[in-house]
């Protein structure tokens, strides 16, 4: 059988789904893409057995329907240096020899049969479905993914928690030291349901989602989730376990408020961190009337730095320590010119929010303090 397709369109689709593949797979067939031709459309599947991503490309011409596999590296390397032009691929379904013909040359590669390629797990049983704007999903993932844990000691904290509630959808990410809670009122649920999306599919989604108003249909049960957009379908296994009660760790009474220019604080932190102990990255934040002093030191190398920033603060003086690198992560994921620090005492978590919340949204970031030596 033969089909003709734009080389650039095909290579673009392969690049988009390539990040699903693992460098080492337990099943050799998972080193391949699955190609399925039906009429003038070809779907392409990449899978690591837990996460499966399907995209499609329109064909210029096709002689018949077919299913076959090609090693991912082989087909991508074959197309990488070919300029944008129609390319004709001929597939011998008996010998699995695949030949490509384009304007300036030809190539021949070996394919594999599609029989052993695993099918995505079905979403059945107690199923929940929601329609979500891609921009809402993209923002929620962007603002919470950085706060998730990297270690496997507590697997539930390595993913993003989606908490569907009657009032809104809540995205949560935490590693025990920092926490992000993002609420979006554009998505509501009659009953409270939730799931934990692993880091890998969340990262893949972030690269695929649009910032526009395109829709995303999300379907999930207690083990699997499927997300369908016009140009891709992602199916993944969910993290099993109970997510921590995130609301219980957020202090409810932080009476001392400081309003600070976000860009100025980021710049000051970057400069001060150069002179801090690189292992602890501890910075001291001294709040006083209309002024914040950011300082740090490394006693081992006798280095120190201090910077002063104008801020709105009219509460009692307070010194509190934070891990500077984590504070930079938080400030870098807030979309606001000014931020508000809500504090109670040096031993309680600090809450950081945008000075102005967007309509229908509410984001809160929490950072645990570090004990100061002085």
Protein backbone atom coordinates (compact mmCIF):
# COMPACT_ATOMS: atom_id res chain seq x y z
CA UNK A 1 0.00 0.00 0.00
CA UNK A 2 1.06 3.61 -0.62
CA UNK A 3 0.26 6.97 0.91
CA UNK A 4 1.47 10.52 0.35
CA UNK A 5 1.85 13.06 3.14
CA UNK A 6 3.55 16.38 3.85
CA UNK A 7 6.98 15.62 5.32
CA UNK A 8 6.83 18.69 7.61
CA UNK A 9 3.33 17.85 8.89
CA UNK A 10 4.34 14.26 9.63
CA UNK A 11 7.60 15.22 11.32
CA UNK A 12 5.78 17.84 13.41
CA UNK A 13 3.28 15.26 14.69
CA UNK A 14 6.06 12.79 15.52
CA UNK A 15 7.97 15.45 17.44
CA UNK A 16 4.85 16.35 19.43
CA UNK A 17 4.24 12.80 20.67
CA UNK A 18 7.87 11.70 21.05
CA UNK A 19 8.14 12.75 24.71
CA UNK A 20 5.75 9.94 25.68
CA UNK A 21 8.37 7.33 24.86
CA UNK A 22 10.82 6.05 27.45
CA UNK A 23 14.52 5.57 26.72
CA UNK A 24 14.17 1.98 27.97
CA UNK A 25 11.00 -0.09 27.56
CA UNK A 26 10.02 -3.47 28.91
CA UNK A 27 8.34 -4.27 25.58
CA UNK A 28 10.38 -3.63 22.39
CA UNK A 29 7.23 -2.69 20.45
CA UNK A 30 6.94 0.43 22.64
CA UNK A 31 10.08 1.78 20.95
CA UNK A 32 7.81 2.23 17.93
CA UNK A 33 5.03 4.50 16.76
CA UNK A 34 1.80 2.85 15.69
CA UNK A 35 0.47 4.15 12.37
CA UNK A 36 -3.19 3.53 11.45
CA UNK A 37 -4.52 4.71 8.09
CA UNK A 38 -8.24 5.09 7.52
CA UNK A 39 -9.27 6.87 4.36
CA UNK A 40 -7.40 10.15 4.00
CA UNK A 41 -6.42 10.35 7.65
CA UNK A 42 -3.52 8.70 9.51
CA UNK A 43 -3.44 8.44 13.30
CA UNK A 44 -0.10 8.06 15.08
CA UNK A 45 0.22 6.55 18.56
CA UNK A 46 3.06 6.69 21.09
CA UNK A 47 2.85 4.79 24.38
CA UNK A 48 4.92 3.77 27.40
CA UNK A 49 2.14 1.37 28.56
CA UNK A 50 0.91 3.83 31.23
CA UNK A 51 0.55 6.94 29.08
CA UNK A 52 -0.73 6.81 25.49
CA UNK A 53 -0.88 9.80 23.15
CA UNK A 54 -2.65 9.70 19.78
CA UNK A 55 -2.48 12.44 17.15
CA UNK A 56 -3.38 12.48 13.46
CA UNK A 57 -2.31 13.96 10.16
CA UNK A 58 -4.24 14.47 6.92
CA UNK A 59 -2.93 12.52 3.95
CA UNK A 60 -2.57 13.92 0.46
CA UNK A 61 -3.30 10.52 -1.03
CA UNK A 62 -3.85 6.95 0.20
CA UNK A 63 -4.40 3.65 -1.60
CA UNK A 64 -5.91 1.56 1.25
CA UNK A 65 -6.36 1.29 5.02
CA UNK A 66 -3.51 -0.28 6.99
CA UNK A 67 -1.86 -0.66 10.43
CA UNK A 68 1.91 -0.91 10.96
CA UNK A 69 4.68 0.17 13.33
CA UNK A 70 8.02 1.91 12.76
CA UNK A 71 10.77 2.47 15.33
CA UNK A 72 10.45 6.05 16.53
CA UNK A 73 14.10 7.01 16.14
CA UNK A 74 14.29 5.46 12.67
CA UNK A 75 11.34 7.35 11.18
CA UNK A 76 12.22 10.64 12.86
CA UNK A 77 15.86 10.51 11.73
CA UNK A 78 14.65 9.64 8.22
CA UNK A 79 12.48 12.77 8.02
CA UNK A 80 14.54 15.24 10.04
CA UNK A 81 16.67 16.63 7.21
CA UNK A 82 14.04 16.49 4.46
CA UNK A 83 12.67 19.92 3.51
CA UNK A 84 8.92 20.53 3.51
CA UNK A 85 7.56 18.60 0.52
CA UNK A 86 5.20 15.73 -0.27
CA UNK A 87 6.72 12.34 0.51
CA UNK A 88 5.35 9.00 -0.68
CA UNK A 89 5.71 6.00 1.62
CA UNK A 90 5.17 2.48 0.28
CA UNK A 91 4.54 -0.26 2.86
CA UNK A 92 4.81 -3.96 2.05
CA UNK A 93 2.56 -5.46 4.72
CA UNK A 94 3.99 -8.95 4.10
CA UNK A 95 7.72 -8.21 4.39
CA UNK A 96 7.31 -4.94 6.40
CA UNK A 97 9.77 -3.19 4.10
CA UNK A 98 8.94 0.52 3.92
CA UNK A 99 10.35 2.76 1.22
CA UNK A 100 10.14 6.53 1.04
CA UNK A 101 10.31 8.63 -2.11
CA UNK A 102 10.68 12.41 -2.18
CA UNK A 103 11.87 15.05 -4.62
CA UNK A 104 15.60 14.48 -4.26
CA UNK A 105 15.90 10.85 -3.27
CA UNK A 106 14.63 7.68 -1.66
CA UNK A 107 15.17 5.64 1.51
CA UNK A 108 14.27 2.18 2.76
CA UNK A 109 13.58 1.18 6.37
CA UNK A 110 12.06 -1.79 8.17
CA UNK A 111 8.68 -1.64 9.84
CA UNK A 112 7.07 -3.97 12.36
CA UNK A 113 3.66 -5.58 12.59
CA UNK A 114 1.03 -3.78 14.64
CA UNK A 115 -0.49 -6.90 16.23
CA UNK A 116 1.56 -6.65 19.44
CA UNK A 117 1.04 -2.94 20.00
CA UNK A 118 -0.97 -2.47 23.24
CA UNK A 119 -4.39 -0.85 23.11
CA UNK A 120 -5.11 1.99 25.57
CA UNK A 121 -6.92 0.97 28.73
CA UNK A 122 -10.66 1.56 28.52
CA UNK A 123 -12.37 4.14 30.75
CA UNK A 124 -15.38 2.36 32.21
CA UNK A 125 -17.18 1.77 35.50
CA UNK A 126 -17.92 4.86 37.62
CA UNK A 127 -16.97 7.48 35.00
CA UNK A 128 -16.97 11.28 35.33
CA UNK A 129 -16.80 13.68 32.39
CA UNK A 130 -16.11 17.42 32.18
CA UNK A 131 -15.57 19.93 29.39
CA UNK A 132 -12.71 22.30 30.19
CA UNK A 133 -11.17 25.12 28.20
CA UNK A 134 -7.64 24.28 27.17
CA UNK A 135 -6.45 27.64 28.50
CA UNK A 136 -7.87 26.82 31.96
CA UNK A 137 -6.11 23.46 32.00
CA UNK A 138 -2.85 24.97 30.73
CA UNK A 139 -2.83 27.70 33.38
CA UNK A 140 -3.71 25.24 36.15
CA UNK A 141 -0.89 22.89 35.18
CA UNK A 142 1.64 25.70 34.70
CA UNK A 143 0.99 27.16 38.13
CA UNK A 144 0.99 23.90 40.12
CA UNK A 145 3.36 21.48 38.38
CA UNK A 146 6.51 23.12 39.76
CA UNK A 147 5.27 22.58 43.33
CA UNK A 148 4.90 18.79 43.02
CA UNK A 149 7.40 16.44 44.68
CA UNK A 150 10.20 14.70 42.76
CA UNK A 151 10.87 11.83 45.16
CA UNK A 152 8.84 8.65 45.40
CA UNK A 153 8.58 8.54 49.20
CA UNK A 154 5.02 9.82 48.96
CA UNK A 155 3.85 9.02 45.41
CA UNK A 156 0.58 10.95 45.75
CA UNK A 157 2.56 14.18 46.05
CA UNK A 158 4.42 13.65 42.77
CA UNK A 159 1.32 14.60 40.75
CA UNK A 160 -1.23 17.40 40.42
CA UNK A 161 -4.47 16.93 42.34
CA UNK A 162 -7.66 17.85 40.48
CA UNK A 163 -10.47 18.51 42.96
CA UNK A 164 -13.83 19.01 41.24
CA UNK A 165 -16.24 20.81 43.56
CA UNK A 166 -19.73 22.40 43.26
CA UNK A 167 -18.18 25.89 43.32
CA UNK A 168 -15.06 25.39 41.21
CA UNK A 169 -12.21 23.19 40.03
CA UNK A 170 -9.18 23.23 42.32
CA UNK A 171 -5.66 22.42 41.08
CA UNK A 172 -3.22 21.52 43.87
CA UNK A 173 0.50 20.80 43.89
CA UNK A 174 2.70 20.30 46.94
CA UNK A 175 5.96 18.67 48.03
CA UNK A 176 5.52 19.29 51.75
CA UNK A 177 7.60 22.51 51.77
CA UNK A 178 5.65 24.55 49.26
CA UNK A 179 2.00 24.30 48.19
CA UNK A 180 -0.04 25.85 45.40
CA UNK A 181 -3.85 25.95 45.35
CA UNK A 182 -5.46 27.32 42.20
CA UNK A 183 -9.26 27.68 41.98
CA UNK A 184 -11.14 28.22 38.73
CA UNK A 185 -14.88 28.93 38.83
CA UNK A 186 -15.44 28.12 35.14
CA UNK A 187 -15.62 24.38 35.96
CA UNK A 188 -18.14 23.07 38.47
CA UNK A 189 -19.25 19.61 39.58
CA UNK A 190 -22.50 18.45 41.15
CA UNK A 191 -20.56 16.20 43.52
CA UNK A 192 -17.00 16.40 44.80
CA UNK A 193 -14.70 14.09 42.84
CA UNK A 194 -10.99 14.16 42.20
CA UNK A 195 -7.90 12.42 40.89
CA UNK A 196 -4.11 12.77 40.91
CA UNK A 197 -2.53 13.33 37.48
CA UNK A 198 1.09 12.07 37.29
CA UNK A 199 3.87 14.48 36.44
CA UNK A 200 4.73 12.95 33.06
CA UNK A 201 1.30 13.29 31.38
CA UNK A 202 0.92 16.72 33.00
CA UNK A 203 4.21 17.81 31.41
CA UNK A 204 3.13 16.39 28.04
CA UNK A 205 -0.22 18.17 28.27
CA UNK A 206 1.51 21.45 29.00
CA UNK A 207 3.35 21.22 25.68
CA UNK A 208 0.20 20.36 23.71
CA UNK A 209 -2.48 22.63 25.13
CA UNK A 210 -3.54 25.86 23.47
CA UNK A 211 -3.74 29.24 25.20
CA UNK A 212 -6.99 29.95 23.32
CA UNK A 213 -10.57 28.93 23.98
CA UNK A 214 -10.34 25.44 22.49
CA UNK A 215 -12.21 22.78 24.44
CA UNK A 216 -10.80 19.72 26.16
CA UNK A 217 -13.05 16.81 27.12
CA UNK A 218 -11.86 15.04 30.26
CA UNK A 219 -13.17 11.60 31.22
CA UNK A 220 -11.89 9.63 34.21
CA UNK A 221 -12.58 6.85 36.67
CA UNK A 222 -10.58 5.80 39.72
CA UNK A 223 -7.70 4.37 37.65
CA UNK A 224 -7.52 6.05 34.24
CA UNK A 225 -8.09 9.45 32.64
CA UNK A 226 -8.62 10.38 29.02
CA UNK A 227 -8.29 13.90 27.64
CA UNK A 228 -9.55 14.58 24.14
CA UNK A 229 -8.77 17.72 22.13
CA UNK A 230 -9.32 18.34 18.40
CA UNK A 231 -5.73 17.37 17.54
CA UNK A 232 -4.80 14.78 20.18
CA UNK A 233 -6.09 12.17 22.63
CA UNK A 234 -4.13 11.44 25.82
CA UNK A 235 -4.91 8.40 27.98
CA UNK A 236 -2.99 7.83 31.20
CA UNK A 237 -2.96 5.85 34.43
CA UNK A 238 -3.71 7.92 37.51
CA UNK A 239 -1.79 7.87 40.79
CA UNK A 240 -3.50 5.62 43.31
CA UNK A 241 -3.87 6.93 46.85
CA UNK A 242 -5.50 9.58 49.02
CA UNK A 243 -4.24 13.12 48.53
CA UNK A 244 -3.39 15.08 51.71
CA UNK A 245 -6.01 17.47 53.10
CA UNK A 246 -4.45 20.52 51.52
CA UNK A 247 -6.83 23.03 53.12
CA UNK A 248 -5.85 21.93 56.62
CA UNK A 249 -2.22 23.06 56.20
CA UNK A 250 -3.12 26.57 55.01
CA UNK A 251 -3.07 29.00 57.98
CA UNK A 252 -6.42 30.74 58.34
CA UNK A 253 -5.26 33.76 60.35
CA UNK A 254 -2.18 35.52 59.01
CA UNK A 255 -2.80 39.13 60.14
CA UNK A 256 0.41 40.80 58.94
CA UNK A 257 0.27 41.87 55.29
CA UNK A 258 3.07 43.13 53.07
CA UNK A 259 2.54 44.30 49.49
CA UNK A 260 5.70 44.12 47.38
CA UNK A 261 6.70 44.73 43.77
CA UNK A 262 7.24 41.22 42.40
CA UNK A 263 9.96 42.05 39.85
CA UNK A 264 11.95 44.05 42.41
CA UNK A 265 11.81 41.20 44.91
CA UNK A 266 12.87 38.64 42.31
CA UNK A 267 15.88 40.78 41.32
CA UNK A 268 16.90 41.30 44.94
CA UNK A 269 16.62 37.58 45.73
CA UNK A 270 18.77 36.63 42.75
CA UNK A 271 21.51 39.02 43.80
CA UNK A 272 21.44 38.04 47.48
CA UNK A 273 21.41 34.29 46.74
CA UNK A 274 24.85 34.60 45.15
CA UNK A 275 26.26 35.21 48.63
CA UNK A 276 24.15 32.64 50.51
CA UNK A 277 25.05 29.15 51.63
CA UNK A 278 24.47 27.16 48.44
CA UNK A 279 23.19 24.07 50.26
CA UNK A 280 20.53 25.80 52.36
CA UNK A 281 19.88 28.86 50.13
CA UNK A 282 18.43 30.53 53.20
CA UNK A 283 17.44 34.18 52.95
CA UNK A 284 16.28 36.40 55.79
CA UNK A 285 13.36 38.74 55.16
CA UNK A 286 13.08 41.55 57.69
CA UNK A 287 9.77 43.43 57.48
CA UNK A 288 9.53 46.88 59.03
CA UNK A 289 7.54 50.05 58.36
CA UNK A 290 7.31 50.49 54.56
CA UNK A 291 10.53 48.52 54.05
CA UNK A 292 11.67 44.96 53.40
CA UNK A 293 15.30 44.00 53.91
CA UNK A 294 16.45 40.81 52.16
CA UNK A 295 19.75 39.38 53.38
CA UNK A 296 21.80 36.21 53.27
CA UNK A 297 25.21 34.89 54.23
CA UNK A 298 27.59 31.99 53.91
CA UNK A 299 29.65 31.71 57.11
CA UNK A 300 31.95 29.10 55.54
CA UNK A 301 33.19 31.57 52.92
CA UNK A 302 32.60 34.78 54.90
CA UNK A 303 30.27 36.22 52.27
CA UNK A 304 27.06 38.14 52.83
CA UNK A 305 24.65 40.50 51.08
CA UNK A 306 21.73 42.74 51.96
CA UNK A 307 19.18 44.63 49.86
CA UNK A 308 16.34 46.94 50.78
CA UNK A 309 13.01 47.17 48.96
CA UNK A 310 10.15 49.58 49.45
CA UNK A 311 6.93 47.78 50.41
CA UNK A 312 3.55 48.48 51.95
CA UNK A 313 3.78 47.15 55.52
CA UNK A 314 2.43 48.73 58.70
CA UNK A 315 2.47 45.79 61.14
CA UNK A 316 4.99 44.97 63.90
CA UNK A 317 8.56 44.22 62.81
CA UNK A 318 9.13 40.61 61.81
CA UNK A 319 12.11 38.53 60.69
CA UNK A 320 11.36 35.31 58.82
CA UNK A 321 13.59 32.89 56.89
CA UNK A 322 12.78 31.18 53.62
CA UNK A 323 14.63 28.95 51.19
CA UNK A 324 15.41 31.54 48.53
CA UNK A 325 15.32 29.18 45.56
CA UNK A 326 11.82 27.98 46.49
CA UNK A 327 10.65 31.55 46.96
CA UNK A 328 11.97 32.39 43.49
CA UNK A 329 10.02 29.44 42.05
CA UNK A 330 6.83 30.72 43.66
CA UNK A 331 7.31 34.33 42.53
CA UNK A 332 8.12 33.16 39.01
CA UNK A 333 4.77 31.38 38.78
CA UNK A 334 2.60 34.30 39.88
CA UNK A 335 1.24 36.45 37.08
CA UNK A 336 0.97 39.81 38.84
CA UNK A 337 2.98 43.03 39.12
CA UNK A 338 2.68 42.98 42.91
CA UNK A 339 2.41 40.17 45.45
CA UNK A 340 1.04 40.08 48.98
CA UNK A 341 2.78 38.21 51.80
CA UNK A 342 0.43 37.10 54.59
CA UNK A 343 2.37 36.32 57.77
CA UNK A 344 1.67 35.48 61.41
CA UNK A 345 5.01 34.61 63.05
CA UNK A 346 8.45 33.29 62.00
CA UNK A 347 7.45 29.70 62.74
CA UNK A 348 4.31 29.56 60.61
CA UNK A 349 3.99 29.16 56.86
CA UNK A 350 3.87 32.31 54.79
CA UNK A 351 1.09 32.75 52.24
CA UNK A 352 1.88 34.52 48.97
CA UNK A 353 -0.84 35.68 46.58
CA UNK A 354 -1.16 38.08 43.65
CA UNK A 355 -2.12 41.59 44.76
CA UNK A 356 -5.10 41.32 42.42
CA UNK A 357 -6.78 38.03 41.52
CA UNK A 358 -8.18 37.48 38.03
CA UNK A 359 -11.94 37.28 37.71
CA UNK A 360 -13.21 33.75 38.41
CA UNK A 361 -9.79 32.62 39.65
CA UNK A 362 -8.05 32.45 42.99
CA UNK A 363 -4.48 31.36 43.48
CA UNK A 364 -2.67 30.89 46.77
CA UNK A 365 0.92 29.79 47.29
CA UNK A 366 2.33 28.65 50.62
CA UNK A 367 5.97 28.35 51.69
CA UNK A 368 7.23 26.80 54.92
CA UNK A 369 9.74 28.97 56.82
CA UNK A 370 13.31 28.14 57.80
CA UNK A 371 14.61 28.71 61.32
CA UNK A 372 16.87 31.74 61.56
CA UNK A 373 20.07 31.55 63.62
CA UNK A 374 19.80 35.09 64.94
